C-alpha atoms as a PDB file:
ATOM      1  CA  MET A   1       0.000   0.000   0.000  1.00  0.00           C
ATOM      2  CA  CYS A   2       1.352   3.429  -0.973  1.00  0.00           C
ATOM      3  CA  ALA A   3       2.138   6.013   1.698  1.00  0.00           C
ATOM      4  CA  GLU A   4      -0.817   8.206   0.687  1.00  0.00           C
ATOM      5  CA  ARG A   5      -3.268   5.327   1.123  1.00  0.00           C
ATOM      6  CA  LYS A   6      -1.856   4.498   4.533  1.00  0.00           C
ATOM      7  CA  GLU A   7      -2.113   8.138   5.571  1.00  0.00           C
ATOM      8  CA  LEU A   8      -5.712   8.330   4.349  1.00  0.00           C
ATOM      9  CA  LYS A   9      -6.655   5.189   6.296  1.00  0.00           C
ATOM     10  CA  THR A  10      -5.133   6.761   9.403  1.00  0.00           C
ATOM     11  CA  LEU A  11      -7.027  10.026   8.887  1.00  0.00           C
ATOM     12  CA  VAL A  12     -10.317   8.315   8.163  1.00  0.00           C
ATOM     13  CA  GLY A  13      -9.901   5.815  10.999  1.00  0.00           C
ATOM     14  CA  LYS A  14     -10.922   8.524  13.441  1.00  0.00           C
ATOM     15  CA  TYR A  15     -14.358   8.856  11.807  1.00  0.00           C
ATOM     16  CA  GLY A  16     -14.995   5.673   9.834  1.00  0.00           C
ATOM     17  CA  GLU A  17     -13.284   3.433   7.322  1.00  0.00           C
ATOM     18  CA  VAL A  18     -12.123   3.766   3.729  1.00  0.00           C
ATOM     19  CA  PHE A  19     -12.681   0.901   1.293  1.00  0.00           C
ATOM     20  CA  PHE A  20     -10.613   0.828  -1.868  1.00  0.00           C
ATOM     21  CA  PRO A  21     -12.131  -1.024  -4.843  1.00  0.00           C
ATOM     22  CA  GLU A  22      -9.899  -4.060  -4.372  1.00  0.00           C
ATOM     23  CA  ASP A  23     -11.008  -4.298  -0.711  1.00  0.00           C
ATOM     24  CA  ILE A  24     -14.637  -4.859  -1.693  1.00  0.00           C
ATOM     25  CA  THR A  25     -15.665  -8.455  -2.362  1.00  0.00           C
ATOM     26  CA  LYS A  26     -19.343  -8.237  -3.320  1.00  0.00           C
ATOM     27  CA  THR A  27     -20.147  -7.399  -6.961  1.00  0.00           C
ATOM     28  CA  THR A  28     -23.224  -5.893  -8.580  1.00  0.00           C
ATOM     29  CA  GLU A  29     -23.923  -9.253 -10.261  1.00  0.00           C
ATOM     30  CA  GLU A  30     -24.540 -10.749  -6.825  1.00  0.00           C
ATOM     31  CA  LEU A  31     -27.165  -8.117  -6.003  1.00  0.00           C
ATOM     32  CA  VAL A  32     -30.209  -9.365  -7.860  1.00  0.00           C
ATOM     33  CA  GLY A  33     -33.580  -7.658  -8.027  1.00  0.00           C
ATOM     34  CA  LEU A  34     -32.080  -4.155  -7.910  1.00  0.00           C
ATOM     35  CA  ASP A  35     -32.093  -3.278 -11.615  1.00  0.00           C
ATOM     36  CA  ASN A  36     -33.618   0.194 -11.243  1.00  0.00           C
ATOM     37  CA  ALA A  37     -31.352   1.056  -8.322  1.00  0.00           C
ATOM     38  CA  LYS A  38     -28.308  -0.117 -10.294  1.00  0.00           C
ATOM     39  CA  LYS A  39     -29.231   2.149 -13.224  1.00  0.00           C
ATOM     40  CA  PHE A  40     -29.842   5.126 -10.975  1.00  0.00           C
ATOM     41  CA  LEU A  41     -26.764   4.782  -8.785  1.00  0.00           C
ATOM     42  CA  GLY A  42     -24.633   3.581 -11.701  1.00  0.00           C
ATOM     43  CA  ALA A  43     -25.234   6.889 -13.492  1.00  0.00           C
ATOM     44  CA  PHE A  44     -24.423   8.730 -10.262  1.00  0.00           C
ATOM     45  CA  PHE A  45     -21.079   6.908  -9.873  1.00  0.00           C
ATOM     46  CA  LYS A  46     -20.237   7.511 -13.551  1.00  0.00           C
ATOM     47  CA  SER A  47     -20.844  11.235 -13.181  1.00  0.00           C
ATOM     48  CA  VAL A  48     -18.481  11.397 -10.195  1.00  0.00           C
ATOM     49  CA  ARG A  49     -15.833   9.402 -12.068  1.00  0.00           C
ATOM     50  CA  ASN A  50     -16.123  11.515 -15.250  1.00  0.00           C
ATOM     51  CA  MET A  51     -16.533  14.901 -13.557  1.00  0.00           C
ATOM     52  CA  ARG A  52     -12.932  16.029 -14.088  1.00  0.00           C
ATOM     53  CA  THR A  53     -13.257  15.872 -17.874  1.00  0.00           C
ATOM     54  CA  TYR A  54     -15.697  18.803 -17.747  1.00  0.00           C
ATOM     55  CA  GLN A  55     -13.976  22.102 -17.113  1.00  0.00           C
ATOM     56  CA  HIS A  56     -16.859  24.561 -17.501  1.00  0.00           C
ATOM     57  CA  LEU A  57     -20.301  23.316 -16.539  1.00  0.00           C
ATOM     58  CA  PRO A  58     -23.354  25.606 -16.803  1.00  0.00           C
ATOM     59  CA  LEU A  59     -24.534  24.594 -13.323  1.00  0.00           C
ATOM     60  CA  PRO A  60     -22.712  23.610 -10.113  1.00  0.00           C
ATOM     61  CA  PHE A  61     -21.848  19.923  -9.897  1.00  0.00           C
ATOM     62  CA  ARG A  62     -23.644  18.766  -6.753  1.00  0.00           C
ATOM     63  CA  ALA A  63     -23.340  14.992  -6.674  1.00  0.00           C
ATOM     64  CA  SER A  64     -25.465  14.103  -3.659  1.00  0.00           C
ATOM     65  CA  ALA A  65     -27.919  11.226  -3.348  1.00  0.00           C
ATOM     66  CA  LEU A  66     -30.246  10.088  -0.577  1.00  0.00           C
ATOM     67  CA  LEU A  67     -31.169   6.403  -0.388  1.00  0.00           C
ATOM     68  CA  GLU A  68     -34.182   5.506   1.695  1.00  0.00           C
ATOM     69  CA  GLY A  69     -35.866   2.221   2.560  1.00  0.00           C
ATOM     70  CA  VAL A  70     -36.224  -0.474   5.176  1.00  0.00           C
ATOM     71  CA  PRO A  71     -33.145  -2.376   6.396  1.00  0.00           C
ATOM     72  CA  GLY A  72     -31.910  -5.243   4.255  1.00  0.00           C
ATOM     73  CA  THR A  73     -33.033  -3.905   0.878  1.00  0.00           C
ATOM     74  CA  GLY A  74     -29.482  -3.448  -0.468  1.00  0.00           C
ATOM     75  CA  LYS A  75     -28.651   0.227   0.067  1.00  0.00           C
ATOM     76  CA  THR A  76     -25.220  -0.222   1.626  1.00  0.00           C
ATOM     77  CA  ALA A  77     -24.335  -3.330  -0.363  1.00  0.00           C
ATOM     78  CA  LEU A  78     -25.051  -1.621  -3.691  1.00  0.00           C
ATOM     79  CA  VAL A  79     -22.986   1.460  -2.825  1.00  0.00           C
ATOM     80  CA  MET A  80     -20.015  -0.752  -1.988  1.00  0.00           C
ATOM     81  CA  ALA A  81     -20.414  -2.948  -5.078  1.00  0.00           C
ATOM     82  CA  LEU A  82     -20.587   0.074  -7.383  1.00  0.00           C
ATOM     83  CA  GLY A  83     -17.439   1.461  -5.785  1.00  0.00           C
ATOM     84  CA  LYS A  84     -15.733  -1.747  -6.846  1.00  0.00           C
ATOM     85  CA  GLU A  85     -17.242  -1.671 -10.346  1.00  0.00           C
ATOM     86  CA  PHE A  86     -16.287   1.928 -11.107  1.00  0.00           C
ATOM     87  CA  GLY A  87     -12.978   1.943  -9.253  1.00  0.00           C
ATOM     88  CA  ILE A  88     -13.969   4.606  -6.722  1.00  0.00           C
ATOM     89  CA  PRO A  89     -12.923   4.471  -3.044  1.00  0.00           C
ATOM     90  CA  ILE A  90     -15.790   4.566  -0.534  1.00  0.00           C
ATOM     91  CA  LEU A  91     -15.326   6.494   2.697  1.00  0.00           C
ATOM     92  CA  VAL A  92     -17.892   5.078   5.131  1.00  0.00           C
ATOM     93  CA  VAL A  93     -18.657   7.396   8.044  1.00  0.00           C
ATOM     94  CA  PHE A  94     -19.488   5.981  11.481  1.00  0.00           C
ATOM     95  CA  SER A  95     -21.881   8.404  13.149  1.00  0.00           C
ATOM     96  CA  SER A  96     -20.850   7.166  16.604  1.00  0.00           C
ATOM     97  CA  LYS A  97     -17.352   8.520  15.963  1.00  0.00           C
ATOM     98  CA  LEU A  98     -18.584  11.900  14.758  1.00  0.00           C
ATOM     99  CA  ILE A  99     -20.812  12.678  17.713  1.00  0.00           C
ATOM    100  CA  ASP A 100     -19.009  13.725  20.882  1.00  0.00           C
ATOM    101  CA  GLN A 101     -20.405  14.730  24.258  1.00  0.00           C
ATOM    102  CA  TYR A 102     -18.061  17.698  24.573  1.00  0.00           C
ATOM    103  CA  LEU A 103     -19.117  21.045  23.170  1.00  0.00           C
ATOM    104  CA  GLY A 104     -17.578  21.756  19.775  1.00  0.00           C
ATOM    105  CA  LYS A 105     -15.818  18.408  19.480  1.00  0.00           C
ATOM    106  CA  SER A 106     -18.341  17.072  16.966  1.00  0.00           C
ATOM    107  CA  GLN A 107     -17.673  20.117  14.792  1.00  0.00           C
ATOM    108  CA  GLN A 108     -13.940  19.397  14.927  1.00  0.00           C
ATOM    109  CA  ASN A 109     -14.576  15.790  13.954  1.00  0.00           C
ATOM    110  CA  LEU A 110     -16.642  16.878  10.983  1.00  0.00           C
ATOM    111  CA  ASP A 111     -13.956  19.351   9.895  1.00  0.00           C
ATOM    112  CA  GLY A 112     -11.384  16.572  10.088  1.00  0.00           C
ATOM    113  CA  LEU A 113     -13.576  14.338   7.951  1.00  0.00           C
ATOM    114  CA  MET A 114     -13.873  17.014   5.253  1.00  0.00           C
ATOM    115  CA  GLU A 115     -10.094  17.450   5.247  1.00  0.00           C
ATOM    116  CA  ALA A 116      -9.697  13.695   4.773  1.00  0.00           C
ATOM    117  CA  CYS A 117     -11.989  13.884   1.733  1.00  0.00           C
ATOM    118  CA  THR A 118     -10.008  16.631   0.014  1.00  0.00           C
ATOM    119  CA  PHE A 119      -6.768  14.808   0.888  1.00  0.00           C
ATOM    120  CA  ALA A 120      -8.077  11.670  -0.813  1.00  0.00           C
ATOM    121  CA  VAL A 121      -9.009  13.493  -4.003  1.00  0.00           C
ATOM    122  CA  ASP A 122      -5.922  15.707  -4.228  1.00  0.00           C
ATOM    123  CA  ARG A 123      -3.178  13.316  -3.068  1.00  0.00           C
ATOM    124  CA  LEU A 124      -4.537  10.115  -4.578  1.00  0.00           C
ATOM    125  CA  ASN A 125      -5.800  11.890  -7.694  1.00  0.00           C
ATOM    126  CA  SER A 126      -8.961   9.841  -7.405  1.00  0.00           C
ATOM    127  CA  PRO A 127     -12.714  10.463  -7.232  1.00  0.00           C
ATOM    128  CA  LEU A 128     -14.342   9.626  -3.894  1.00  0.00           C
ATOM    129  CA  ILE A 129     -17.717   8.636  -2.487  1.00  0.00           C
ATOM    130  CA  LEU A 130     -18.459   9.908   1.019  1.00  0.00           C
ATOM    131  CA  PHE A 131     -21.084   7.543   2.444  1.00  0.00           C
ATOM    132  CA  PHE A 132     -23.166   8.333   5.534  1.00  0.00           C
ATOM    133  CA  ASP A 133     -24.979   5.153   6.529  1.00  0.00           C
ATOM    134  CA  GLU A 134     -27.864   5.636   8.990  1.00  0.00           C
ATOM    135  CA  LEU A 135     -27.830   9.350   8.184  1.00  0.00           C
ATOM    136  CA  ASP A 136     -30.775  10.057  10.506  1.00  0.00           C
ATOM    137  CA  SER A 137     -28.549   9.366  13.531  1.00  0.00           C
ATOM    138  CA  ILE A 138     -26.511  12.512  12.851  1.00  0.00           C
ATOM    139  CA  ALA A 139     -28.966  14.633  10.822  1.00  0.00           C
ATOM    140  CA  SER A 140     -32.305  14.321  12.583  1.00  0.00           C
ATOM    141  CA  GLU A 141     -34.898  17.095  12.655  1.00  0.00           C
ATOM    142  CA  ARG A 142     -33.703  19.994  14.809  1.00  0.00           C
ATOM    143  CA  ALA A 143     -37.277  20.778  15.850  1.00  0.00           C
ATOM    144  CA  ASN A 144     -37.417  17.420  17.655  1.00  0.00           C
ATOM    145  CA  GLU A 145     -37.578  18.283  21.359  1.00  0.00           C
ATOM    146  CA  ASN A 146     -35.952  14.970  22.266  1.00  0.00           C
ATOM    147  CA  GLU A 147     -32.675  15.787  20.525  1.00  0.00           C
ATOM    148  CA  VAL A 148     -29.814  17.106  22.658  1.00  0.00           C
ATOM    149  CA  GLY A 149     -27.992  20.349  21.912  1.00  0.00           C
ATOM    150  CA  GLU A 150     -24.836  18.754  20.541  1.00  0.00           C
ATOM    151  CA  ILE A 151     -26.871  16.805  17.958  1.00  0.00           C
ATOM    152  CA  LYS A 152     -28.615  20.000  16.837  1.00  0.00           C
ATOM    153  CA  ARG A 153     -25.288  21.797  16.516  1.00  0.00           C
ATOM    154  CA  LEU A 154     -23.930  18.848  14.536  1.00  0.00           C
ATOM    155  CA  VAL A 155     -26.830  19.108  12.077  1.00  0.00           C
ATOM    156  CA  ILE A 156     -25.985  22.748  11.405  1.00  0.00           C
ATOM    157  CA  SER A 157     -22.301  21.876  11.012  1.00  0.00           C
ATOM    158  CA  PHE A 158     -23.190  18.977   8.715  1.00  0.00           C
ATOM    159  CA  ILE A 159     -25.203  21.245   6.414  1.00  0.00           C
ATOM    160  CA  GLN A 160     -22.394  23.783   6.250  1.00  0.00           C
ATOM    161  CA  ALA A 161     -19.792  21.079   5.649  1.00  0.00           C
ATOM    162  CA  ILE A 162     -21.536  19.378   2.733  1.00  0.00           C
ATOM    163  CA  ASP A 163     -22.340  22.752   1.166  1.00  0.00           C
ATOM    164  CA  LYS A 164     -18.655  23.660   1.342  1.00  0.00           C
ATOM    165  CA  LEU A 165     -17.510  20.270   0.074  1.00  0.00           C
ATOM    166  CA  LEU A 166     -19.870  20.248  -2.911  1.00  0.00           C
ATOM    167  CA  ALA A 167     -18.917  23.837  -3.782  1.00  0.00           C
ATOM    168  CA  LEU A 168     -15.251  22.839  -4.237  1.00  0.00           C
ATOM    169  CA  GLY A 169     -15.988  21.370  -7.651  1.00  0.00           C
ATOM    170  CA  LYS A 170     -14.032  18.200  -6.871  1.00  0.00           C
ATOM    171  CA  PRO A 171     -15.035  14.672  -7.958  1.00  0.00           C
ATOM    172  CA  ILE A 172     -16.669  13.859  -4.644  1.00  0.00           C
ATOM    173  CA  GLY A 173     -20.087  12.250  -4.364  1.00  0.00           C
ATOM    174  CA  ILE A 174     -22.015  12.364  -1.102  1.00  0.00           C
ATOM    175  CA  ILE A 175     -24.470   9.560  -0.401  1.00  0.00           C
ATOM    176  CA  GLY A 176     -26.706   9.256   2.631  1.00  0.00           C
ATOM    177  CA  ALA A 177     -28.725   6.179   3.535  1.00  0.00           C
ATOM    178  CA  THR A 178     -31.564   6.051   6.020  1.00  0.00           C
ATOM    179  CA  ASN A 179     -34.333   3.771   7.206  1.00  0.00           C
ATOM    180  CA  HIS A 180     -36.197   6.762   8.670  1.00  0.00           C
ATOM    181  CA  VAL A 181     -36.367   9.521   6.092  1.00  0.00           C
ATOM    182  CA  GLU A 182     -39.206  11.136   8.034  1.00  0.00           C
ATOM    183  CA  SER A 183     -36.756  11.830  10.881  1.00  0.00           C
ATOM    184  CA  LEU A 184     -34.285  13.788   8.758  1.00  0.00           C
ATOM    185  CA  ASP A 185     -33.898  17.514   9.211  1.00  0.00           C
ATOM    186  CA  SER A 186     -35.759  19.239   6.372  1.00  0.00           C
ATOM    187  CA  ALA A 187     -32.729  21.336   5.416  1.00  0.00           C
ATOM    188  CA  VAL A 188     -30.554  18.208   5.229  1.00  0.00           C
ATOM    189  CA  PHE A 189     -33.181  16.492   3.087  1.00  0.00           C
ATOM    190  CA  ARG A 190     -33.122  19.377   0.598  1.00  0.00           C
ATOM    191  CA  ARG A 191     -29.321  19.195   0.307  1.00  0.00           C
ATOM    192  CA  PHE A 192     -29.561  15.899  -1.574  1.00  0.00           C
ATOM    193  CA  THR A 193     -30.128  16.411  -5.283  1.00  0.00           C
ATOM    194  CA  PHE A 194     -31.177  12.824  -5.992  1.00  0.00           C
ATOM    195  CA  LYS A 195     -33.498  10.628  -3.954  1.00  0.00           C
ATOM    196  CA  PHE A 196     -34.134   6.937  -4.450  1.00  0.00           C
ATOM    197  CA  GLN A 197     -36.501   4.597  -2.622  1.00  0.00           C
ATOM    198  CA  PHE A 198     -35.440   0.999  -1.977  1.00  0.00           C
ATOM    199  CA  ASP A 199     -38.624  -1.075  -1.723  1.00  0.00           C
ATOM    200  CA  TYR A 200     -39.330  -4.627  -0.653  1.00  0.00           C
ATOM    201  CA  PRO A 201     -38.406  -6.991  -3.505  1.00  0.00           C
ATOM    202  CA  ASP A 202     -41.339  -8.276  -5.565  1.00  0.00           C
ATOM    203  CA  LEU A 203     -41.950 -11.986  -6.127  1.00  0.00           C
ATOM    204  CA  ASP A 204     -39.724 -12.186  -9.210  1.00  0.00           C
ATOM    205  CA  ALA A 205     -36.861 -10.486  -7.349  1.00  0.00           C
ATOM    206  CA  ARG A 206     -37.321 -12.750  -4.312  1.00  0.00           C
ATOM    207  CA  LEU A 207     -37.120 -15.808  -6.552  1.00  0.00           C
ATOM    208  CA  GLN A 208     -33.937 -14.441  -8.124  1.00  0.00           C
ATOM    209  CA  ILE A 209     -32.435 -13.967  -4.676  1.00  0.00           C
ATOM    210  CA  TYR A 210     -33.475 -17.492  -3.697  1.00  0.00           C
ATOM    211  CA  LYS A 211     -31.830 -18.934  -6.838  1.00  0.00           C
ATOM    212  CA  LEU A 212     -28.639 -16.951  -6.155  1.00  0.00           C
ATOM    213  CA  PHE A 213     -28.157 -18.531  -2.725  1.00  0.00           C
ATOM    214  CA  LYS A 214     -29.280 -21.942  -3.983  1.00  0.00           C
ATOM    215  CA  ARG A 215     -26.529 -21.738  -6.589  1.00  0.00           C
ATOM    216  CA  LYS A 216     -23.955 -20.854  -3.901  1.00  0.00           C
ATOM    217  CA  PHE A 217     -24.776 -24.084  -2.080  1.00  0.00           C
ATOM    218  CA  GLU A 218     -24.664 -26.151  -5.262  1.00  0.00           C
ATOM    219  CA  GLU A 219     -21.286 -24.709  -6.209  1.00  0.00           C
ATOM    220  CA  LYS A 220     -19.939 -26.083  -2.914  1.00  0.00           C
ATOM    221  CA  GLY A 221     -21.353 -29.548  -3.530  1.00  0.00           C
ATOM    222  CA  PHE A 222     -24.514 -29.258  -1.427  1.00  0.00           C
ATOM    223  CA  THR A 223     -28.088 -29.574  -2.646  1.00  0.00           C
ATOM    224  CA  VAL A 224     -31.154 -27.451  -2.035  1.00  0.00           C
ATOM    225  CA  SER A 225     -34.254 -29.594  -2.475  1.00  0.00           C
ATOM    226  CA  VAL A 226     -36.996 -27.120  -1.609  1.00  0.00           C
ATOM    227  CA  ASP A 227     -40.522 -27.331  -3.022  1.00  0.00           C
ATOM    228  CA  LEU A 228     -41.418 -23.652  -3.295  1.00  0.00           C
ATOM    229  CA  SER A 229     -45.054 -24.497  -4.004  1.00  0.00           C
ATOM    230  CA  MET A 230     -45.234 -25.637  -0.370  1.00  0.00           C
ATOM    231  CA  LEU A 231     -43.996 -22.245   0.806  1.00  0.00           C
ATOM    232  CA  GLY A 232     -46.363 -19.917  -0.983  1.00  0.00           C
ATOM    233  CA  ASN A 233     -49.602 -19.540  -2.918  1.00  0.00           C
ATOM    234  CA  ALA A 234     -51.611 -16.891  -4.782  1.00  0.00           C
ATOM    235  CA  GLU A 235     -52.894 -15.340  -1.556  1.00  0.00           C
ATOM    236  CA  GLN A 236     -49.571 -15.506   0.281  1.00  0.00           C
ATOM    237  CA  PRO A 237     -46.714 -15.579  -2.270  1.00  0.00           C
ATOM    238  CA  PHE A 238     -43.310 -17.016  -1.402  1.00  0.00           C
ATOM    239  CA  ALA A 239     -41.374 -14.885   1.107  1.00  0.00           C
ATOM    240  CA  GLU A 240     -43.855 -11.993   0.979  1.00  0.00           C
ATOM    241  CA  GLY A 241     -42.534  -9.148   3.153  1.00  0.00           C
ATOM    242  CA  TYR A 242     -38.980 -10.520   3.147  1.00  0.00           C
ATOM    243  CA  THR A 243     -35.986  -8.437   2.099  1.00  0.00           C
ATOM    244  CA  GLY A 244     -32.937  -9.831   0.339  1.00  0.00           C
ATOM    245  CA  SER A 245     -31.154  -9.807   3.680  1.00  0.00           C
ATOM    246  CA  ASP A 246     -34.033 -11.768   5.224  1.00  0.00           C
ATOM    247  CA  ILE A 247     -33.765 -14.488   2.564  1.00  0.00           C
ATOM    248  CA  GLU A 248     -30.021 -14.692   3.142  1.00  0.00           C
ATOM    249  CA  ARG A 249     -30.696 -15.202   6.866  1.00  0.00           C
ATOM    250  CA  VAL A 250     -33.153 -17.971   6.021  1.00  0.00           C
ATOM    251  CA  PHE A 251     -30.416 -19.805   4.123  1.00  0.00           C
ATOM    252  CA  GLU A 252     -27.949 -19.227   6.970  1.00  0.00           C
ATOM    253  CA  ILE A 253     -30.365 -20.692   9.536  1.00  0.00           C
ATOM    254  CA  ALA A 254     -31.325 -23.572   7.223  1.00  0.00           C
ATOM    255  CA  GLN A 255     -27.617 -24.308   6.827  1.00  0.00           C
ATOM    256  CA  THR A 256     -27.269 -24.453  10.611  1.00  0.00           C
ATOM    257  CA  TYR A 257     -30.153 -26.939  10.816  1.00  0.00           C
ATOM    258  CA  MET A 258     -28.569 -28.967   8.001  1.00  0.00           C
ATOM    259  CA  ILE A 259     -25.232 -29.148   9.825  1.00  0.00           C
ATOM    260  CA  SER A 260     -26.881 -30.025  13.147  1.00  0.00           C
ATOM    261  CA  GLU A 261     -28.596 -33.009  11.508  1.00  0.00           C
ATOM    262  CA  GLY A 262     -25.472 -34.130   9.677  1.00  0.00           C
ATOM    263  CA  LYS A 263     -27.058 -33.678   6.253  1.00  0.00           C
ATOM    264  CA  THR A 264     -25.717 -32.279   2.961  1.00  0.00           C
ATOM    265  CA  SER A 265     -29.026 -30.990   1.644  1.00  0.00           C
ATOM    266  CA  ILE A 266     -31.458 -28.263   2.626  1.00  0.00           C
ATOM    267  CA  THR A 267     -34.924 -29.781   2.438  1.00  0.00           C
ATOM    268  CA  THR A 268     -38.329 -28.124   2.346  1.00  0.00           C
ATOM    269  CA  ASP A 269     -38.836 -28.843   6.056  1.00  0.00           C
ATOM    270  CA  LEU A 270     -35.522 -27.257   7.041  1.00  0.00           C
ATOM    271  CA  PHE A 271     -36.166 -24.223   4.864  1.00  0.00           C
ATOM    272  CA  GLN A 272     -39.683 -23.812   6.246  1.00  0.00           C
ATOM    273  CA  MET A 273     -38.371 -23.976   9.812  1.00  0.00           C
ATOM    274  CA  ALA A 274     -35.816 -21.287   8.965  1.00  0.00           C
ATOM    275  CA  MET A 275     -38.481 -19.061   7.378  1.00  0.00           C
ATOM    276  CA  SER A 276     -40.696 -19.311  10.445  1.00  0.00           C
ATOM    277  CA  PHE A 277     -37.737 -18.199  12.548  1.00  0.00           C
ATOM    278  CA  VAL A 278     -36.891 -15.160  10.389  1.00  0.00           C
ATOM    279  CA  GLU A 279     -40.520 -14.080   9.757  1.00  0.00           C
ATOM    280  CA  GLY A 280     -39.580 -11.234   7.406  1.00  0.00           C
ATOM    281  CA  THR A 281     -38.870  -7.539   7.992  1.00  0.00           C
ATOM    282  CA  ARG A 282     -42.366  -6.357   7.040  1.00  0.00           C
ATOM    283  CA  ASN A 283     -44.005  -8.791   9.459  1.00  0.00           C
ATOM    284  CA  GLN A 284     -41.587  -7.723  12.190  1.00  0.00           C
ATOM    285  CA  GLU A 285     -42.428  -4.068  11.508  1.00  0.00           C
ATOM    286  CA  ASN A 286     -46.150  -4.825  11.779  1.00  0.00           C
ATOM    287  CA  ILE A 287     -45.628  -6.568  15.118  1.00  0.00           C
ATOM    288  CA  TYR A 288     -43.480  -3.673  16.354  1.00  0.00           C
ATOM    289  CA  SER A 289     -46.138  -1.155  15.216  1.00  0.00           C
ATOM    290  CA  ILE A 290     -48.865  -3.019  17.102  1.00  0.00           C
ATOM    291  CA  GLN A 291     -46.694  -3.127  20.220  1.00  0.00           C
ATOM    292  CA  GLN A 292     -45.983   0.593  19.918  1.00  0.00           C
ATOM    293  CA  ARG A 293     -49.676   1.458  19.564  1.00  0.00           C
ATOM    294  CA  SER A 294     -50.535  -0.768  22.526  1.00  0.00           C
ATOM    295  CA  ARG A 295     -47.820   0.856  24.659  1.00  0.00           C
ATOM    296  CA  LYS A 296     -48.969   4.359  23.643  1.00  0.00           C
ATOM    297  CA  ALA A 297     -52.611   3.557  24.424  1.00  0.00           C
ATOM    298  CA  LYS A 298     -51.609   2.243  27.846  1.00  0.00           C
ATOM    299  CA  GLU A 299     -49.568   5.374  28.580  1.00  0.00           C
ATOM    300  CA  GLU A 300     -52.468   7.612  27.527  1.00  0.00           C
ATOM    301  CA  THR A 301     -54.853   5.642  29.766  1.00  0.00           C
ATOM    302  CA  GLN A 302     -52.472   5.997  32.713  1.00  0.00           C
ATOM    303  CA  THR A 303     -52.132   9.739  32.063  1.00  0.00           C
ATOM    304  CA  GLU A 304     -55.916  10.186  31.942  1.00  0.00           C
ATOM    305  CA  GLY A 305     -56.252   8.171  35.138  1.00  0.00           C
ATOM    306  CA  LYS A 306     -53.724  10.336  36.958  1.00  0.00           C
ATOM    307  CA  SER A 307     -55.372  13.558  35.790  1.00  0.00           C
ATOM    308  CA  SER A 308     -58.798  12.342  36.976  1.00  0.00           C
ATOM    309  CA  GLY A 309     -57.453  11.008  40.254  1.00  0.00           C
ATOM    310  CA  LYS A 310     -58.553   7.449  39.458  1.00  0.00           C
ATOM    311  CA  LYS A 311     -56.294   4.506  40.056  1.00  0.00           C
ATOM    312  CA  VAL A 312     -55.376   2.722  36.826  1.00  0.00           C
ATOM    313  CA  HIS A 313     -54.249  -0.915  36.880  1.00  0.00           C
END
């Protein structure tokens, strides 16, 4: 590794981690069911890579994209895979390392991160993607009364920092990913030129994902003998409400069952057991929503009881 790369890894290590294309193992071919997202983000990565060939653009080059959607739908994985495909380093920011309890320290951390970005572009002579995963954790709505002062100050600093970075005219793309777009500060939301929604995969995409992992097992000499007709029907299609990550977990759990029974094949029974364990992200969200509503209703009942002087059990 060249001295500049080592220095960049040291700089970035304070705030996150830098992944060079050769460090990334997953490819876009492995991410099935994301055709529209690949086209959208592929064009974004190309524009960052080709930006230096344009000396005089009629409008400012503001390469910023916001990816939203439930966990497990491929946001982070696709960003990394495209970095590999287009030969662009990805600087992944860890929000926990940016936020500091001491006044002004978060601002210093953010300044240091911006310096690391310009260092990467200038010293390595390379385009760069600055990736904020779980963006809502550092850029939540300032009007939220539950947020502490340091978080609110960090939001202001974040807005100023990305404005400054994008105004430099350097081949730097800023990508934010969030599972809770509704929690983002409105000014932060407006800073992102492009927005893309990652949805639950449809049936065709889920089948593609299933076949991808089935092939991985077969390439290693194992068999997957699953009767999918036993796992879905017209009213409840196969893996409805499951993300790609959920289906991967199903295979991981089915593999564990297979090993525990000393078998070399994943059968329908083993796969069904694994599916019942995972349940699917959408089903989990529905359960969580019901629990939240029940908890809120109970709290409201207790509050009403206290205000009326009645004892509530």
